[in-house]
Protein backbone atom coordinates (compact mmCIF):
# COMPACT_ATOMS: atom_id res chain seq x y z
CA UNK A 1 -10.30 3.13 38.67
CA UNK A 2 -6.45 4.19 36.99
CA UNK A 3 -5.30 2.36 33.79
CA UNK A 4 -2.00 2.22 33.67
CA UNK A 5 -0.77 2.03 30.06
CA UNK A 6 2.70 0.81 28.52
CA UNK A 7 4.89 2.69 26.87
CA UNK A 8 3.77 1.21 23.25
CA UNK A 9 0.25 1.97 24.06
CA UNK A 10 1.24 5.38 25.02
CA UNK A 11 2.97 6.19 21.50
CA UNK A 12 0.04 4.63 19.25
CA UNK A 13 -1.88 7.62 17.45
CA UNK A 14 -4.98 6.89 15.58
CA UNK A 15 -4.91 6.28 11.75
CA UNK A 16 -4.76 9.66 10.11
CA UNK A 17 -6.54 7.96 6.80
CA UNK A 18 -9.31 6.56 9.27
CA UNK A 19 -10.09 10.09 10.74
CA UNK A 20 -9.93 11.50 6.89
CA UNK A 21 -11.65 8.59 6.15
CA UNK A 22 -15.33 9.60 8.71
CA UNK A 23 -15.00 13.27 7.36
CA UNK A 24 -15.20 11.80 3.88
CA UNK A 25 -18.32 9.66 5.02
CA UNK A 26 -20.31 12.77 5.57
CA UNK A 27 -23.59 12.59 3.20
CA UNK A 28 -22.48 14.51 -0.03
CA UNK A 29 -18.73 14.19 -0.03
CA UNK A 30 -17.08 13.19 -3.20
CA UNK A 31 -14.16 10.69 -1.28
CA UNK A 32 -11.48 10.41 -3.64
CA UNK A 33 -9.17 9.63 -0.22
CA UNK A 34 -9.82 6.22 0.63
CA UNK A 35 -7.97 3.10 -0.43
CA UNK A 36 -11.29 1.05 -1.01
CA UNK A 37 -11.85 -1.09 -3.77
CA UNK A 38 -14.94 -0.22 -5.79
CA UNK A 39 -17.91 -2.30 -4.44
CA UNK A 40 -18.69 -3.00 -8.30
CA UNK A 41 -15.99 -5.28 -8.68
CA UNK A 42 -17.06 -7.91 -5.72
CA UNK A 43 -17.80 -11.33 -7.19
CA UNK A 44 -21.19 -11.25 -5.09
CA UNK A 45 -23.06 -14.19 -6.91
CA UNK A 46 -19.74 -16.42 -7.19
CA UNK A 47 -19.66 -15.87 -3.43
CA UNK A 48 -23.48 -16.37 -2.61
CA UNK A 49 -22.41 -20.10 -4.74
CA UNK A 50 -19.45 -20.88 -2.87
CA UNK A 51 -20.98 -20.29 0.32
CA UNK A 52 -23.39 -22.99 0.06
CA UNK A 53 -21.45 -25.06 -1.74
CA UNK A 54 -19.18 -24.97 1.29
CA UNK A 55 -21.80 -25.55 3.91
CA UNK A 56 -23.41 -28.22 2.42
CA UNK A 57 -20.48 -30.30 1.48
CA UNK A 58 -17.78 -29.51 4.80
CA UNK A 59 -20.09 -27.68 6.88
CA UNK A 60 -18.94 -28.46 10.52
CA UNK A 61 -15.37 -28.28 8.92
CA UNK A 62 -15.75 -25.10 7.85
CA UNK A 63 -17.51 -23.85 11.27
CA UNK A 64 -15.01 -25.49 13.47
CA UNK A 65 -11.02 -24.54 14.65
CA UNK A 66 -8.51 -25.16 11.81
CA UNK A 67 -4.53 -24.89 11.63
CA UNK A 68 -2.65 -21.82 11.97
CA UNK A 69 -0.50 -22.41 8.82
CA UNK A 70 -4.18 -21.65 7.02
CA UNK A 71 -6.16 -24.02 4.63
CA UNK A 72 -3.71 -26.28 2.48
CA UNK A 73 -5.84 -25.93 -0.60
CA UNK A 74 -5.62 -22.15 -0.69
CA UNK A 75 -2.06 -22.21 0.47
CA UNK A 76 -1.58 -24.66 -2.74
CA UNK A 77 -3.39 -22.20 -5.27
CA UNK A 78 -1.08 -18.92 -4.13
CA UNK A 79 2.21 -21.01 -5.02
CA UNK A 80 0.61 -21.83 -8.23
CA UNK A 81 0.07 -18.10 -8.88
CA UNK A 82 3.24 -16.91 -7.44
CA UNK A 83 5.11 -19.38 -10.02
CA UNK A 84 2.92 -17.76 -12.71
CA UNK A 85 2.43 -14.62 -12.30
CA UNK A 86 5.65 -13.41 -9.63
CA UNK A 87 8.67 -15.72 -11.28
CA UNK A 88 8.87 -17.30 -7.50
CA UNK A 89 9.20 -21.47 -6.32
CA UNK A 90 7.74 -21.51 -3.37
CA UNK A 91 6.84 -25.15 -1.43
CA UNK A 92 3.37 -24.72 -0.08
CA UNK A 93 4.72 -24.71 3.54
CA UNK A 94 5.94 -21.51 3.24
CA UNK A 95 2.92 -20.11 2.68
CA UNK A 96 1.42 -18.33 5.87
CA UNK A 97 -2.40 -17.02 5.94
CA UNK A 98 -3.26 -14.17 7.95
CA UNK A 99 -5.99 -12.06 8.70
CA UNK A 100 -4.94 -9.46 5.91
CA UNK A 101 -2.22 -8.34 4.90
CA UNK A 102 -2.12 -5.68 7.66
CA UNK A 103 -2.05 -8.91 10.13
CA UNK A 104 1.60 -9.86 8.07
CA UNK A 105 2.83 -6.09 8.86
CA UNK A 106 2.54 -6.44 12.41
CA UNK A 107 3.38 -10.36 12.66
CA UNK A 108 6.87 -9.05 10.44
CA UNK A 109 7.33 -6.51 13.05
CA UNK A 110 6.91 -8.60 15.94
CA UNK A 111 9.21 -10.77 15.38
CA UNK A 112 11.90 -8.70 13.57
CA UNK A 113 11.90 -4.98 14.95
CA UNK A 114 13.51 -4.37 18.61
CA UNK A 115 12.60 -1.30 20.08
CA UNK A 116 15.50 1.18 18.69
CA UNK A 117 15.98 -1.66 15.59
CA UNK A 118 16.38 0.83 12.30
CA UNK A 119 13.97 -0.42 9.22
CA UNK A 120 14.37 1.54 6.26
CA UNK A 121 11.77 2.56 4.30
CA UNK A 122 10.82 4.00 0.87
CA UNK A 123 10.00 8.24 0.43
CA UNK A 124 6.84 8.39 1.27
CA UNK A 125 5.77 5.24 1.79
CA UNK A 126 2.51 2.90 2.83
CA UNK A 127 0.60 4.87 6.14
CA UNK A 128 -0.35 1.02 7.59
CA UNK A 129 3.23 -0.21 7.30
CA UNK A 130 4.48 2.94 9.75
CA UNK A 131 1.50 2.01 12.32
CA UNK A 132 1.90 -1.74 11.93
CA UNK A 133 5.41 -1.23 13.05
CA UNK A 134 5.53 2.14 15.41
CA UNK A 135 4.32 -0.17 18.51
CA UNK A 136 7.87 -2.29 17.89
CA UNK A 137 9.66 1.11 18.60
CA UNK A 138 11.72 0.96 15.31
CA UNK A 139 13.59 3.73 13.84
CA UNK A 140 12.67 3.86 10.87
CA UNK A 141 14.83 5.34 8.10
CA UNK A 142 13.80 7.14 4.59
CA UNK A 143 15.91 6.02 1.68
CA UNK A 144 16.03 8.34 -1.72
CA UNK A 145 13.57 7.65 -4.18
CA UNK A 146 12.93 8.98 -7.74
CA UNK A 147 9.86 8.31 -9.62
CA UNK A 148 10.69 4.35 -10.38
CA UNK A 149 11.62 4.44 -6.23
CA UNK A 150 13.98 3.92 -3.92
CA UNK A 151 17.65 5.13 -5.49
CA UNK A 152 20.31 1.70 -5.14
CA UNK A 153 23.01 3.80 -3.97
CA UNK A 154 21.32 5.48 -1.07
CA UNK A 155 21.01 1.91 0.73
CA UNK A 156 24.73 1.66 1.71
CA UNK A 157 24.44 5.41 3.33
CA UNK A 158 21.12 4.22 5.13
CA UNK A 159 21.50 1.07 6.32
CA UNK A 160 23.77 1.89 9.50
CA UNK A 161 26.79 0.25 11.18
CA UNK A 162 26.98 -2.33 14.02
CA UNK A 163 23.72 -2.76 16.44
CA UNK A 164 22.23 0.04 14.44
CA UNK A 165 22.19 -2.05 11.28
CA UNK A 166 19.21 -1.78 9.43
CA UNK A 167 17.16 -5.33 10.36
CA UNK A 168 15.28 -5.03 6.58
CA UNK A 169 13.34 -2.51 4.45
CA UNK A 170 9.68 -2.23 3.49
CA UNK A 171 9.03 -2.07 -0.11
CA UNK A 172 5.65 -1.53 -2.84
CA UNK A 173 7.45 -2.19 -6.04
CA UNK A 174 4.00 -2.34 -8.21
CA UNK A 175 1.65 0.52 -8.20
CA UNK A 176 2.88 1.50 -4.75
CA UNK A 177 1.03 3.54 -2.57
CA UNK A 178 0.58 6.95 -2.33
CA UNK A 179 2.33 7.62 -5.27
CA UNK A 180 1.10 4.93 -7.73
CA UNK A 181 4.97 4.35 -9.41
CA UNK A 182 6.40 1.18 -10.44
CA UNK A 183 10.09 0.04 -10.10
CA UNK A 184 11.06 -0.77 -13.80
CA UNK A 185 13.09 -4.32 -13.92
CA UNK A 186 15.94 -2.76 -14.14
CA UNK A 187 15.30 -0.86 -11.21
CA UNK A 188 14.30 -3.87 -9.67
CA UNK A 189 17.49 -5.92 -10.65
CA UNK A 190 19.78 -3.23 -9.43
CA UNK A 191 18.21 -2.65 -6.01
CA UNK A 192 18.06 -6.53 -5.11
CA UNK A 193 21.42 -6.89 -6.62
CA UNK A 194 22.49 -3.64 -3.74
CA UNK A 195 20.59 -5.06 -1.27
CA UNK A 196 22.33 -8.81 -1.09
CA UNK A 197 25.88 -6.94 -1.16
CA UNK A 198 24.99 -5.61 1.98
CA UNK A 199 22.87 -8.48 3.54
CA UNK A 200 19.87 -6.08 3.69
CA UNK A 201 16.52 -8.47 4.03
CA UNK A 202 14.03 -6.90 1.86
CA UNK A 203 9.99 -6.92 2.79
CA UNK A 204 7.81 -7.33 -0.54
CA UNK A 205 4.93 -5.89 -0.75
CA UNK A 206 2.26 -6.50 -3.35
CA UNK A 207 -1.17 -5.66 -2.86
CA UNK A 208 -2.03 -3.93 -6.10
CA UNK A 209 0.48 -6.19 -8.64
CA UNK A 210 -2.55 -8.09 -10.31
CA UNK A 211 -4.12 -4.61 -10.75
CA UNK A 212 -2.38 -3.72 -14.23
CA UNK A 213 -3.65 -1.81 -17.25
CA UNK A 214 -1.43 -2.65 -20.26
CA UNK A 215 1.04 -4.89 -19.15
CA UNK A 216 1.96 -6.78 -16.10
CA UNK A 217 5.08 -5.48 -14.10
CA UNK A 218 8.17 -7.34 -13.87
CA UNK A 219 8.28 -10.24 -11.43
CA UNK A 220 8.46 -9.78 -8.11
CA UNK A 221 11.78 -8.53 -6.29
CA UNK A 222 11.63 -11.86 -4.05
CA UNK A 223 12.46 -14.00 -6.71
CA UNK A 224 15.67 -12.41 -7.10
CA UNK A 225 16.84 -13.65 -3.53
CA UNK A 226 13.91 -16.03 -2.05
CA UNK A 227 16.17 -16.94 1.13
CA UNK A 228 16.45 -12.83 1.72
CA UNK A 229 12.94 -11.61 0.56
CA UNK A 230 9.64 -12.09 2.71
CA UNK A 231 6.83 -11.81 0.28
CA UNK A 232 3.45 -10.19 0.95
CA UNK A 233 -0.04 -10.44 -0.88
CA UNK A 234 -3.95 -10.29 -0.39
CA UNK A 235 -7.20 -10.81 -1.35
CA UNK A 236 -8.34 -8.03 -0.52
CA UNK A 237 -7.93 -5.78 -3.96
CA UNK A 238 -9.12 -8.89 -6.11
CA UNK A 239 -11.56 -10.47 -4.77
CA UNK A 240 -13.24 -8.54 -1.68
CA UNK A 241 -11.57 -6.33 1.34
CA UNK A 242 -14.00 -7.75 3.90
CA UNK A 243 -12.72 -10.93 3.66
CA UNK A 244 -9.67 -10.21 5.48
CA UNK A 245 -7.51 -12.30 3.48
CA UNK A 246 -3.79 -11.77 2.93
CA UNK A 247 -0.62 -13.97 3.40
CA UNK A 248 2.88 -14.03 3.64
CA UNK A 249 5.71 -15.98 2.07
CA UNK A 250 8.38 -16.25 4.02
CA UNK A 251 12.10 -18.25 4.22
CA UNK A 252 11.83 -21.25 5.90
CA UNK A 253 14.41 -20.42 8.65
CA UNK A 254 12.04 -18.06 9.67
CA UNK A 255 7.88 -19.09 9.22
CA UNK A 256 8.27 -20.81 12.37
CA UNK A 257 8.47 -17.62 14.19
CA UNK A 258 5.89 -15.77 12.00
CA UNK A 259 3.77 -19.32 13.30
CA UNK A 260 4.24 -18.58 16.38
CA UNK A 261 3.50 -14.87 16.44
CA UNK A 262 -0.11 -15.79 14.43
CA UNK A 263 -0.77 -18.24 17.09
CA UNK A 264 -0.33 -15.86 19.66
CA UNK A 265 -2.08 -13.11 17.94
CA UNK A 266 -5.59 -15.24 16.60
CA UNK A 267 -5.12 -18.89 16.52
CA UNK A 268 -5.94 -18.69 13.02
CA UNK A 269 -7.80 -16.68 9.94
CA UNK A 270 -11.44 -17.49 9.72
CA UNK A 271 -11.70 -21.27 8.21
CA UNK A 272 -14.97 -20.65 6.61
CA UNK A 273 -13.12 -17.54 5.10
CA UNK A 274 -10.23 -19.20 3.40
CA UNK A 275 -12.79 -22.48 2.47
CA UNK A 276 -14.80 -19.61 0.59
CA UNK A 277 -12.37 -18.07 -1.12
CA UNK A 278 -10.41 -21.20 -2.03
CA UNK A 279 -14.23 -22.83 -3.70
CA UNK A 280 -14.48 -19.52 -5.07
CA UNK A 281 -11.11 -19.54 -7.44
CA UNK A 282 -11.53 -23.03 -8.40
CA UNK A 283 -11.72 -23.53 -12.47
CA UNK A 284 -9.86 -20.20 -13.22
CA UNK A 285 -12.40 -18.55 -11.67
CA UNK A 286 -9.60 -15.26 -11.10
CA UNK A 287 -8.59 -15.28 -14.78
CA UNK A 288 -11.86 -13.96 -15.44
CA UNK A 289 -12.92 -11.67 -12.52
CA UNK A 290 -9.51 -9.72 -12.69
CA UNK A 291 -9.70 -8.00 -16.24
CA UNK A 292 -12.85 -6.87 -15.42
CA UNK A 293 -11.07 -4.83 -12.58
CA UNK A 294 -8.76 -3.70 -14.33
CA UNK A 295 -10.90 -2.15 -17.02
CA UNK A 296 -12.89 -0.55 -14.93
CA UNK A 297 -10.22 1.20 -12.59
CA UNK A 298 -8.48 2.23 -15.66
CA UNK A 299 -11.00 3.67 -17.23
CA UNK A 300 -11.89 5.80 -14.05
CA UNK A 301 -7.52 6.69 -14.37
CA UNK A 302 -8.34 7.86 -17.75
CA UNK A 303 -10.74 9.84 -16.45
CA UNK A 304 -9.25 11.51 -13.63
CA UNK A 305 -6.22 12.18 -15.84
CA UNK A 306 -7.78 13.95 -18.22
CA UNK A 307 -9.50 15.85 -16.21
CA UNK A 308 -6.37 17.07 -14.07
CA UNK A 309 -4.60 18.08 -17.14
CA UNK A 310 -8.15 20.32 -18.21
CA UNK A 311 -8.72 21.36 -14.65
CA UNK A 312 -5.16 22.30 -13.24
CA UNK A 313 -3.82 24.11 -16.17
CA UNK A 314 -1.61 27.62 -15.70
CA UNK A 315 -1.04 26.11 -12.11
CA UNK A 316 2.36 24.73 -10.64
CA UNK A 317 0.84 21.07 -10.39
CA UNK A 318 2.07 17.74 -11.41
CA UNK A 319 0.84 14.58 -10.86
CA UNK A 320 1.77 10.66 -11.60
CA UNK A 321 0.08 8.42 -14.03
CA UNK A 322 0.39 5.25 -12.50
CA UNK A 323 0.38 1.91 -14.78
CA UNK A 324 -2.30 0.23 -12.84
CA UNK A 325 -3.25 0.46 -9.30
CA UNK A 326 -5.75 2.52 -7.69
CA UNK A 327 -3.48 5.74 -6.86
CA UNK A 328 -2.12 9.03 -7.96
CA UNK A 329 -0.25 11.21 -6.32
CA UNK A 330 -0.21 14.89 -6.97
CA UNK A 331 2.51 17.83 -6.25
CA UNK A 332 0.74 21.21 -5.61
CA UNK A 333 3.39 24.50 -5.50
CA UNK A 334 5.72 24.35 -2.44
CA UNK A 335 4.35 27.03 0.06
CA UNK A 336 1.32 24.95 -0.09
CA UNK A 337 0.61 22.77 2.70
CA UNK A 338 -2.33 19.80 1.35
CA UNK A 339 -3.24 19.78 5.22
CA UNK A 340 -5.17 23.08 6.24
CA UNK A 341 -6.06 22.59 2.02
CA UNK A 342 -8.13 19.38 3.29
CA UNK A 343 -10.69 21.61 5.52
CA UNK A 344 -11.46 23.85 2.35
CA UNK A 345 -11.68 21.38 0.04
CA UNK A 346 -13.85 19.62 2.19
CA UNK A 347 -16.21 22.50 2.45
CA UNK A 348 -16.74 22.07 -1.23
CA UNK A 349 -17.68 18.69 -0.59
CA UNK A 350 -14.22 16.84 -1.95
CA UNK A 351 -11.98 14.91 0.39
CA UNK A 352 -8.45 13.51 -0.21
CA UNK A 353 -5.70 12.34 1.72
CA UNK A 354 -2.61 15.07 2.62
CA UNK A 355 0.34 13.78 1.55
CA UNK A 356 2.40 14.54 4.95
CA UNK A 357 1.10 11.23 6.34
CA UNK A 358 2.90 8.74 3.94
CA UNK A 359 6.36 10.08 5.33
CA UNK A 360 8.47 8.49 7.98
CA UNK A 361 10.92 11.49 7.70
CA UNK A 362 10.71 15.13 6.69
CA UNK A 363 7.17 15.23 4.83
CA UNK A 364 7.15 17.09 1.81
CA UNK A 365 3.63 18.96 2.86
CA UNK A 366 2.74 20.01 -0.69
CA UNK A 367 1.62 16.39 -1.48
CA UNK A 368 -1.73 15.16 -1.57
CA UNK A 369 -2.64 11.51 -2.82
CA UNK A 370 -6.21 10.82 -5.00
CA UNK A 371 -7.62 7.42 -5.30
CA UNK A 372 -9.76 6.93 -8.34
CA UNK A 373 -11.30 4.00 -8.05
CA UNK A 374 -14.81 4.57 -6.10
CA UNK A 375 -15.65 7.40 -7.77
CA UNK A 376 -18.16 7.92 -10.61
CA UNK A 377 -16.82 9.51 -14.06
CA UNK A 378 -19.20 12.32 -13.44
CA UNK A 379 -18.02 12.90 -9.47
CA UNK A 380 -14.24 12.50 -11.03
CA UNK A 381 -15.36 15.38 -12.94
CA UNK A 382 -17.10 17.23 -10.05
CA UNK A 383 -14.10 16.68 -7.66
CA UNK A 384 -11.36 17.46 -9.95
CA UNK A 385 -13.20 20.18 -11.05
CA UNK A 386 -13.57 21.90 -7.31
CA UNK A 387 -10.40 21.01 -6.13
CA UNK A 388 -8.96 23.15 -8.81
CA UNK A 389 -10.92 25.95 -7.86
CA UNK A 390 -9.70 25.57 -4.33
CA UNK A 391 -6.56 25.63 -5.28
CA UNK A 392 -6.23 28.55 -7.38
CA UNK A 393 -8.23 30.62 -4.68
CA UNK A 394 -5.13 29.09 -1.80
CA UNK A 395 -2.22 30.05 -4.46
CA UNK A 396 -3.79 32.99 -4.95
CA UNK A 397 -4.43 33.78 -1.24
CA UNK A 398 -0.56 32.47 -0.39
CA UNK A 399 1.39 33.88 -3.35
CA UNK A 400 5.02 32.55 -3.43
CA UNK A 401 7.23 33.64 -1.06
CA UNK A 402 10.35 35.19 -2.87
CA UNK A 403 13.46 33.52 -3.15
CA UNK A 404 16.90 35.01 -1.21
CA UNK A 405 18.80 35.85 -4.07
CA UNK A 406 22.11 33.97 -4.36
CA UNK A 407 25.73 35.59 -4.12
CA UNK A 408 25.98 35.33 -7.55
CA UNK A 409 23.41 37.43 -8.22
CA UNK A 410 24.13 39.93 -5.61
CA UNK A 411 27.48 39.93 -7.14
CA UNK A 412 25.82 40.79 -10.53
CA UNK A 413 23.52 43.30 -9.20
CA UNK A 414 26.78 44.97 -7.92
């Protein structure tokens, strides 16, 4: 039997990150690669009690088909949290519960992207978003960034004109994946003012926003221009990823199309999971639970930063110092490609993610992402020490190429 694949299916590729995670799962490997929350943070006892409560009080409804929009008490809870923490005024009718925020990305892509549509992203950006948008065959354009995120002045350069005008820009303002950077309040205001001036819609992804260490990040980008923004959130990082619960907040004019795309995809997100989470969240549980996650992750971040400082001494290596989240970003000497470096690190039982996968345009191959949340302090010490040794050997084996002399230098020599 000969199966004829669609053009879109032909263009699909395996997840680079998932392939790396397969390597990281081998016995003895210390993985600094995956974006997995620490299993130590999962509220198992609270989940067990909530399961019993949901099944005993509303078992038939919890096991039945349900509304595509999502469980209303959970949608109301989300609006209350957004008002309290993100400066957003949202109606429950704008909340669509999704099967993880990855599904939200898929639905947004289906509703807003045609073949060849220009969309803007950060440099670098979340690999999962690139994969979600890819089947719709967009023209993905990277906006120039600094340590705070996108440069507002580059939006007008990259937005395009006429039929090629960008449909939206995808952004992660808080503890970004992969770089760990956070936009300041000033950068948010400037960026959103320029986006409003240009009429550029914003898709804001905020899975890590509650994982701050010293202070909460500034208000959501969507709070600046609600009608020009889509906001995405997730329960994966504050409760458990196995629940596959996320949500999207959309302007009322756009919401019906996202709902229709959701209905076509899976009818609704599992209602048992929604009721379970709503039960767990009663009585301000999240206000007691999330601080324990922050404390653990901060401790592990501090350990990784200290070991990097110690072990990378004397090397031309730089790294971010994230104020929250799960990742930090590393730049090694420009002539070192971290993809072949990964294979050598795996030989030393260490895994990381090469940075090239996170770029929509020309990648910076001398970059890599490290996750600090699933490894213990001891494992972080062992892994970073081994990584530094691998990197030192690579730099010694590949001396930095000589730079071509400038005209001024040649004149001086002459």
